[in-house]
Amino acid sequence: MNILSIDTSAERGGLSLLKSNGDIYRFEIENTQRVAENIYRYIDELMSKSGTSLKDIELFATVLGPGSFTGLRVSLSVVKAFSLALHRRIFGVETFRLMAFEGVNLRGGSYRHILPVGNARRGEYFISGYDTHLVEIMPIRIVKMEEIKRILIENENALVVFRDEDVRGIIPSSQEAVLLDKDLSYACLNFAKKYCDQFMSETDPSSIEPVYVRNDVVRLKV
């Protein structure tokens, strides 16, 4: 199956393409600040490099957030447009579930729990929890620094995964932690390939929306 995934949820993003013959192509977006103006050009470059047409893509995938408000809207609007025009399925996965997936892949599922952590700015942090089957055991929430330190200490046997370098400073030195790539498009590609029928894979693009955090809880519209 030919799959195209897009991640513009952070300041650095990218595109990843899996062809049915197993070949993988990637395009790095060093700065997503002006991604709305350039996203279609980036996709054209990737298609040209891979010798692929958009009509060949059977599944479009994207990262749903939380993340950059503008970046999430851009990537989701692109996959929705392609889905409508080409009558293809689209797939969306939450940022932190994807981070947990990467943690399991990198450490071989040797931990009972995976704790994705992100910087929510202003001295606050996102945190959630998953088991190694990617079942959510702690919904995403925003907490103060003191609270997240307490959570990490209480879960010292969990694996922490993060992609904001400044999160490293709050992680206890004795705790196992993995710094992930800012660009999650390749992880999204692998996740979609493995789980598109188990998680969210829709033919109706209007049913998929970004994940935003409000009032310390996550509102999911799926």
C-alpha atoms as a PDB file:
ATOM      1  CA  MET A   1       0.000   0.000   0.000  1.00  0.00           C
ATOM      2  CA  ASN A   2       1.257   3.490  -0.869  1.00  0.00           C
ATOM      3  CA  ILE A   3       1.038   5.770   2.190  1.00  0.00           C
ATOM      4  CA  LEU A   4       1.867   9.474   2.494  1.00  0.00           C
ATOM      5  CA  SER A   5       2.208  10.937   5.991  1.00  0.00           C
ATOM      6  CA  ILE A   6       2.555  14.585   7.021  1.00  0.00           C
ATOM      7  CA  ASP A   7       3.742  16.102  10.293  1.00  0.00           C
ATOM      8  CA  THR A   8       3.699  19.876  10.748  1.00  0.00           C
ATOM      9  CA  SER A   9       2.755  19.789  14.435  1.00  0.00           C
ATOM     10  CA  ALA A  10       6.053  21.253  15.711  1.00  0.00           C
ATOM     11  CA  GLU A  11       8.618  23.841  14.620  1.00  0.00           C
ATOM     12  CA  ARG A  12      10.329  21.171  12.528  1.00  0.00           C
ATOM     13  CA  GLY A  13       8.354  18.635  10.520  1.00  0.00           C
ATOM     14  CA  GLY A  14       8.395  16.508   7.434  1.00  0.00           C
ATOM     15  CA  LEU A  15       6.770  14.230   4.896  1.00  0.00           C
ATOM     16  CA  SER A  16       7.240  10.482   4.580  1.00  0.00           C
ATOM     17  CA  LEU A  17       6.181   8.214   1.747  1.00  0.00           C
ATOM     18  CA  LEU A  18       5.975   4.430   1.760  1.00  0.00           C
ATOM     19  CA  LYS A  19       5.616   2.781  -1.639  1.00  0.00           C
ATOM     20  CA  SER A  20       3.998  -0.595  -2.099  1.00  0.00           C
ATOM     21  CA  ASN A  21       7.374  -2.079  -3.069  1.00  0.00           C
ATOM     22  CA  GLY A  22       8.766  -1.128   0.356  1.00  0.00           C
ATOM     23  CA  ASP A  23      10.776   1.911  -0.736  1.00  0.00           C
ATOM     24  CA  ILE A  24      10.641   4.868   1.668  1.00  0.00           C
ATOM     25  CA  TYR A  25      11.166   8.527   0.789  1.00  0.00           C
ATOM     26  CA  ARG A  26      11.362  11.463   3.184  1.00  0.00           C
ATOM     27  CA  PHE A  27      11.297  15.239   2.942  1.00  0.00           C
ATOM     28  CA  GLU A  28      12.477  17.314   5.908  1.00  0.00           C
ATOM     29  CA  ILE A  29      10.791  20.614   6.723  1.00  0.00           C
ATOM     30  CA  GLU A  30      13.401  22.509   8.729  1.00  0.00           C
ATOM     31  CA  ASN A  31      11.016  25.287   9.750  1.00  0.00           C
ATOM     32  CA  THR A  32       7.223  25.013   9.658  1.00  0.00           C
ATOM     33  CA  GLN A  33       6.636  28.725  10.261  1.00  0.00           C
ATOM     34  CA  ARG A  34       5.600  29.283   6.626  1.00  0.00           C
ATOM     35  CA  VAL A  35       4.418  25.774   5.908  1.00  0.00           C
ATOM     36  CA  ALA A  36       0.966  26.919   4.771  1.00  0.00           C
ATOM     37  CA  GLU A  37       2.571  28.700   1.818  1.00  0.00           C
ATOM     38  CA  ASN A  38       4.895  25.865   0.855  1.00  0.00           C
ATOM     39  CA  ILE A  39       3.299  22.539   1.792  1.00  0.00           C
ATOM     40  CA  TYR A  40       2.068  21.677  -1.697  1.00  0.00           C
ATOM     41  CA  ARG A  41       5.477  22.476  -3.182  1.00  0.00           C
ATOM     42  CA  TYR A  42       7.098  20.182  -0.612  1.00  0.00           C
ATOM     43  CA  ILE A  43       4.698  17.394  -1.536  1.00  0.00           C
ATOM     44  CA  ASP A  44       5.363  17.917  -5.248  1.00  0.00           C
ATOM     45  CA  GLU A  45       9.106  17.618  -4.613  1.00  0.00           C
ATOM     46  CA  LEU A  46       8.639  14.371  -2.697  1.00  0.00           C
ATOM     47  CA  MET A  47       6.369  12.956  -5.397  1.00  0.00           C
ATOM     48  CA  SER A  48       8.893  13.869  -8.083  1.00  0.00           C
ATOM     49  CA  LYS A  49      11.805  12.388  -6.127  1.00  0.00           C
ATOM     50  CA  SER A  50       9.950   9.109  -5.607  1.00  0.00           C
ATOM     51  CA  GLY A  51       8.489   8.869  -9.099  1.00  0.00           C
ATOM     52  CA  THR A  52       5.021   8.737  -7.593  1.00  0.00           C
ATOM     53  CA  SER A  53       1.750  10.449  -8.436  1.00  0.00           C
ATOM     54  CA  LEU A  54      -0.755  11.546  -5.816  1.00  0.00           C
ATOM     55  CA  LYS A  55      -3.237   9.290  -7.588  1.00  0.00           C
ATOM     56  CA  ASP A  56      -1.043   6.358  -6.528  1.00  0.00           C
ATOM     57  CA  ILE A  57      -1.460   7.150  -2.809  1.00  0.00           C
ATOM     58  CA  GLU A  58      -3.943   4.829  -1.117  1.00  0.00           C
ATOM     59  CA  LEU A  59      -3.828   6.263   2.409  1.00  0.00           C
ATOM     60  CA  PHE A  60      -3.058   9.768   3.673  1.00  0.00           C
ATOM     61  CA  ALA A  61      -1.903  10.047   7.292  1.00  0.00           C
ATOM     62  CA  THR A  62      -1.194  12.944   9.632  1.00  0.00           C
ATOM     63  CA  VAL A  63      -0.356  13.808  13.235  1.00  0.00           C
ATOM     64  CA  LEU A  64      -3.407  15.226  15.038  1.00  0.00           C
ATOM     65  CA  GLY A  65      -1.770  16.986  17.975  1.00  0.00           C
ATOM     66  CA  PRO A  66      -1.541  18.499  20.443  1.00  0.00           C
ATOM     67  CA  GLY A  67       0.910  20.790  18.705  1.00  0.00           C
ATOM     68  CA  SER A  68       1.123  24.001  16.722  1.00  0.00           C
ATOM     69  CA  PHE A  69      -2.375  25.345  16.045  1.00  0.00           C
ATOM     70  CA  THR A  70      -1.487  26.481  12.529  1.00  0.00           C
ATOM     71  CA  GLY A  71       0.614  23.430  11.733  1.00  0.00           C
ATOM     72  CA  LEU A  72      -2.142  21.020  12.724  1.00  0.00           C
ATOM     73  CA  ARG A  73      -4.720  22.861  10.629  1.00  0.00           C
ATOM     74  CA  VAL A  74      -2.410  22.884   7.609  1.00  0.00           C
ATOM     75  CA  SER A  75      -1.572  19.176   7.593  1.00  0.00           C
ATOM     76  CA  LEU A  76      -5.135  18.101   8.279  1.00  0.00           C
ATOM     77  CA  SER A  77      -6.595  20.378   5.615  1.00  0.00           C
ATOM     78  CA  VAL A  78      -4.132  18.940   3.092  1.00  0.00           C
ATOM     79  CA  VAL A  79      -4.970  15.285   3.762  1.00  0.00           C
ATOM     80  CA  LYS A  80      -8.691  16.100   3.811  1.00  0.00           C
ATOM     81  CA  ALA A  81      -8.404  17.852   0.451  1.00  0.00           C
ATOM     82  CA  PHE A  82      -6.573  14.892  -1.070  1.00  0.00           C
ATOM     83  CA  SER A  83      -9.067  12.459   0.444  1.00  0.00           C
ATOM     84  CA  LEU A  84     -12.019  14.315  -1.059  1.00  0.00           C
ATOM     85  CA  ALA A  85     -10.406  14.821  -4.457  1.00  0.00           C
ATOM     86  CA  LEU A  86      -9.054  11.294  -4.834  1.00  0.00           C
ATOM     87  CA  HIS A  87     -11.621   9.344  -2.772  1.00  0.00           C
ATOM     88  CA  ARG A  88      -8.961   7.914  -0.480  1.00  0.00           C
ATOM     89  CA  ARG A  89      -8.921   7.016   3.189  1.00  0.00           C
ATOM     90  CA  ILE A  90      -7.273   9.298   5.711  1.00  0.00           C
ATOM     91  CA  PHE A  91      -5.727   8.393   9.029  1.00  0.00           C
ATOM     92  CA  GLY A  92      -4.999  10.533  12.072  1.00  0.00           C
ATOM     93  CA  VAL A  93      -3.071   9.700  15.219  1.00  0.00           C
ATOM     94  CA  GLU A  94      -2.569  11.731  18.397  1.00  0.00           C
ATOM     95  CA  THR A  95       0.936  13.088  18.961  1.00  0.00           C
ATOM     96  CA  PHE A  96       1.426  11.395  22.315  1.00  0.00           C
ATOM     97  CA  ARG A  97       0.161   7.985  21.189  1.00  0.00           C
ATOM     98  CA  LEU A  98       2.670   8.240  18.365  1.00  0.00           C
ATOM     99  CA  MET A  99       5.442   9.155  20.804  1.00  0.00           C
ATOM    100  CA  ALA A 100       4.545   6.107  22.910  1.00  0.00           C
ATOM    101  CA  PHE A 101       4.675   3.980  19.752  1.00  0.00           C
ATOM    102  CA  GLU A 102       8.195   5.240  19.077  1.00  0.00           C
ATOM    103  CA  GLY A 103       9.203   4.504  22.658  1.00  0.00           C
ATOM    104  CA  VAL A 104       8.015   0.908  22.347  1.00  0.00           C
ATOM    105  CA  ASN A 105       9.850   0.509  19.032  1.00  0.00           C
ATOM    106  CA  LEU A 106      13.112   1.923  20.370  1.00  0.00           C
ATOM    107  CA  ARG A 107      13.141   0.039  23.655  1.00  0.00           C
ATOM    108  CA  GLY A 108      11.452  -3.164  22.560  1.00  0.00           C
ATOM    109  CA  GLY A 109       8.471  -2.932  24.885  1.00  0.00           C
ATOM    110  CA  SER A 110      10.616  -3.648  27.953  1.00  0.00           C
ATOM    111  CA  TYR A 111       8.640  -1.173  30.075  1.00  0.00           C
ATOM    112  CA  ARG A 112       5.111  -1.598  31.392  1.00  0.00           C
ATOM    113  CA  HIS A 113       4.239   2.058  30.864  1.00  0.00           C
ATOM    114  CA  ILE A 114       5.309   4.818  28.492  1.00  0.00           C
ATOM    115  CA  LEU A 115       4.975   8.466  29.579  1.00  0.00           C
ATOM    116  CA  PRO A 116       5.084  10.994  26.711  1.00  0.00           C
ATOM    117  CA  VAL A 117       5.957  14.488  27.970  1.00  0.00           C
ATOM    118  CA  GLY A 118       5.847  17.820  26.139  1.00  0.00           C
ATOM    119  CA  ASN A 119       6.519  21.456  26.933  1.00  0.00           C
ATOM    120  CA  ALA A 120       3.262  23.435  27.180  1.00  0.00           C
ATOM    121  CA  ARG A 121       5.227  26.655  27.896  1.00  0.00           C
ATOM    122  CA  ARG A 122       4.770  29.102  30.782  1.00  0.00           C
ATOM    123  CA  GLY A 123       6.196  26.577  33.224  1.00  0.00           C
ATOM    124  CA  GLU A 124       3.636  23.902  32.351  1.00  0.00           C
ATOM    125  CA  TYR A 125       3.926  20.504  30.687  1.00  0.00           C
ATOM    126  CA  PHE A 126       1.807  18.028  28.763  1.00  0.00           C
ATOM    127  CA  ILE A 127       1.861  14.474  30.049  1.00  0.00           C
ATOM    128  CA  SER A 128      -0.026  11.296  29.259  1.00  0.00           C
ATOM    129  CA  GLY A 129       0.468   7.575  29.764  1.00  0.00           C
ATOM    130  CA  TYR A 130       0.172   4.425  27.639  1.00  0.00           C
ATOM    131  CA  ASP A 131       0.836   0.761  28.120  1.00  0.00           C
ATOM    132  CA  THR A 132       2.988  -1.124  25.633  1.00  0.00           C
ATOM    133  CA  HIS A 133      -0.120  -2.021  23.607  1.00  0.00           C
ATOM    134  CA  LEU A 134      -0.681   1.738  23.144  1.00  0.00           C
ATOM    135  CA  VAL A 135      -3.801   1.738  25.290  1.00  0.00           C
ATOM    136  CA  GLU A 136      -4.164   5.089  27.023  1.00  0.00           C
ATOM    137  CA  ILE A 137      -3.885   4.719  30.803  1.00  0.00           C
ATOM    138  CA  MET A 138      -3.573   8.428  31.622  1.00  0.00           C
ATOM    139  CA  PRO A 139      -5.339  11.031  29.455  1.00  0.00           C
ATOM    140  CA  ILE A 140      -3.303  13.975  28.224  1.00  0.00           C
ATOM    141  CA  ARG A 141      -3.327  16.863  30.655  1.00  0.00           C
ATOM    142  CA  ILE A 142      -1.413  20.031  31.451  1.00  0.00           C
ATOM    143  CA  VAL A 143       0.386  20.185  34.799  1.00  0.00           C
ATOM    144  CA  LYS A 144       2.764  22.504  36.623  1.00  0.00           C
ATOM    145  CA  MET A 145       6.436  21.620  36.992  1.00  0.00           C
ATOM    146  CA  GLU A 146       6.037  20.449  40.584  1.00  0.00           C
ATOM    147  CA  GLU A 147       3.208  18.113  39.589  1.00  0.00           C
ATOM    148  CA  ILE A 148       5.000  16.558  36.652  1.00  0.00           C
ATOM    149  CA  LYS A 149       8.095  15.940  38.758  1.00  0.00           C
ATOM    150  CA  ARG A 150       5.900  14.154  41.297  1.00  0.00           C
ATOM    151  CA  ILE A 151       4.286  12.018  38.579  1.00  0.00           C
ATOM    152  CA  LEU A 152       7.664  11.033  37.160  1.00  0.00           C
ATOM    153  CA  ILE A 153       9.045  10.097  40.577  1.00  0.00           C
ATOM    154  CA  GLU A 154       5.956   7.993  41.321  1.00  0.00           C
ATOM    155  CA  ASN A 155       6.419   6.218  37.971  1.00  0.00           C
ATOM    156  CA  GLU A 156      10.178   5.768  38.070  1.00  0.00           C
ATOM    157  CA  ASN A 157       9.950   2.420  36.275  1.00  0.00           C
ATOM    158  CA  ALA A 158       8.159   3.933  33.278  1.00  0.00           C
ATOM    159  CA  LEU A 159       9.914   5.025  30.092  1.00  0.00           C
ATOM    160  CA  VAL A 160       9.674   8.772  29.427  1.00  0.00           C
ATOM    161  CA  VAL A 161       9.604   9.897  25.788  1.00  0.00           C
ATOM    162  CA  PHE A 162       9.923  13.533  24.739  1.00  0.00           C
ATOM    163  CA  ARG A 163      10.825  15.643  21.722  1.00  0.00           C
ATOM    164  CA  ASP A 164      11.362  19.044  23.384  1.00  0.00           C
ATOM    165  CA  GLU A 165      15.000  19.275  24.483  1.00  0.00           C
ATOM    166  CA  ASP A 166      14.094  21.523  27.425  1.00  0.00           C
ATOM    167  CA  VAL A 167      11.986  18.717  28.936  1.00  0.00           C
ATOM    168  CA  ARG A 168      15.185  16.834  29.757  1.00  0.00           C
ATOM    169  CA  GLY A 169      15.836  19.034  32.776  1.00  0.00           C
ATOM    170  CA  ILE A 170      12.734  17.870  34.670  1.00  0.00           C
ATOM    171  CA  ILE A 171      13.371  14.142  34.213  1.00  0.00           C
ATOM    172  CA  PRO A 172      15.010  12.425  37.209  1.00  0.00           C
ATOM    173  CA  SER A 173      18.549  11.313  36.382  1.00  0.00           C
ATOM    174  CA  SER A 174      17.711   7.748  37.400  1.00  0.00           C
ATOM    175  CA  GLN A 175      14.772   7.488  34.983  1.00  0.00           C
ATOM    176  CA  GLU A 176      15.018   5.985  31.514  1.00  0.00           C
ATOM    177  CA  ALA A 177      14.135   8.549  28.860  1.00  0.00           C
ATOM    178  CA  VAL A 178      14.332   8.833  25.071  1.00  0.00           C
ATOM    179  CA  LEU A 179      14.589  12.046  23.057  1.00  0.00           C
ATOM    180  CA  LEU A 180      12.576  11.609  19.857  1.00  0.00           C
ATOM    181  CA  ASP A 181      12.934  13.291  16.498  1.00  0.00           C
ATOM    182  CA  LYS A 182      10.882  16.471  16.133  1.00  0.00           C
ATOM    183  CA  ASP A 183       9.602  15.159  12.803  1.00  0.00           C
ATOM    184  CA  LEU A 184       7.106  12.388  13.528  1.00  0.00           C
ATOM    185  CA  SER A 185       6.052  11.816   9.913  1.00  0.00           C
ATOM    186  CA  TYR A 186       8.092   8.613   9.607  1.00  0.00           C
ATOM    187  CA  ALA A 187       6.696   7.301  12.898  1.00  0.00           C
ATOM    188  CA  CYS A 188       3.215   8.233  11.658  1.00  0.00           C
ATOM    189  CA  LEU A 189       3.879   6.289   8.461  1.00  0.00           C
ATOM    190  CA  ASN A 190       4.851   3.157  10.381  1.00  0.00           C
ATOM    191  CA  PHE A 191       1.947   3.548  12.783  1.00  0.00           C
ATOM    192  CA  ALA A 192      -0.529   3.914   9.925  1.00  0.00           C
ATOM    193  CA  LYS A 193       0.863   0.857   8.174  1.00  0.00           C
ATOM    194  CA  LYS A 194       0.479  -1.253  11.314  1.00  0.00           C
ATOM    195  CA  TYR A 195      -2.668   0.119  12.932  1.00  0.00           C
ATOM    196  CA  CYS A 196      -4.801   1.892  10.312  1.00  0.00           C
ATOM    197  CA  ASP A 197      -7.599  -0.657  10.654  1.00  0.00           C
ATOM    198  CA  GLN A 198      -7.427  -0.826  14.460  1.00  0.00           C
ATOM    199  CA  PHE A 199      -7.381   2.880  15.249  1.00  0.00           C
ATOM    200  CA  MET A 200      -8.749   5.761  13.189  1.00  0.00           C
ATOM    201  CA  SER A 201      -9.053   5.158   9.469  1.00  0.00           C
ATOM    202  CA  GLU A 202     -11.972   6.867   7.793  1.00  0.00           C
ATOM    203  CA  THR A 203     -13.395   7.447   4.334  1.00  0.00           C
ATOM    204  CA  ASP A 204     -15.297  10.506   5.609  1.00  0.00           C
ATOM    205  CA  PRO A 205     -12.651  13.224   6.129  1.00  0.00           C
ATOM    206  CA  SER A 206     -15.041  15.467   8.077  1.00  0.00           C
ATOM    207  CA  SER A 207     -14.941  12.998  10.970  1.00  0.00           C
ATOM    208  CA  ILE A 208     -11.295  13.715  11.847  1.00  0.00           C
ATOM    209  CA  GLU A 209     -10.280  16.861  13.727  1.00  0.00           C
ATOM    210  CA  PRO A 210      -7.110  18.099  15.466  1.00  0.00           C
ATOM    211  CA  VAL A 211      -6.482  17.504  19.165  1.00  0.00           C
ATOM    212  CA  TYR A 212      -6.336  20.678  21.227  1.00  0.00           C
ATOM    213  CA  VAL A 213      -5.851  21.059  24.963  1.00  0.00           C
ATOM    214  CA  ARG A 214      -8.217  23.367  26.835  1.00  0.00           C
ATOM    215  CA  ASN A 215      -8.764  23.804  30.550  1.00  0.00           C
ATOM    216  CA  ASP A 216      -6.201  21.120  31.393  1.00  0.00           C
ATOM    217  CA  VAL A 217      -8.029  18.400  29.476  1.00  0.00           C
ATOM    218  CA  VAL A 218      -7.968  17.178  25.926  1.00  0.00           C
ATOM    219  CA  ARG A 219     -11.021  17.461  23.721  1.00  0.00           C
ATOM    220  CA  LEU A 220     -11.033  14.879  20.958  1.00  0.00           C
ATOM    221  CA  LYS A 221     -13.373  15.253  18.009  1.00  0.00           C
ATOM    222  CA  VAL A 222     -13.372  12.017  16.056  1.00  0.00           C
END
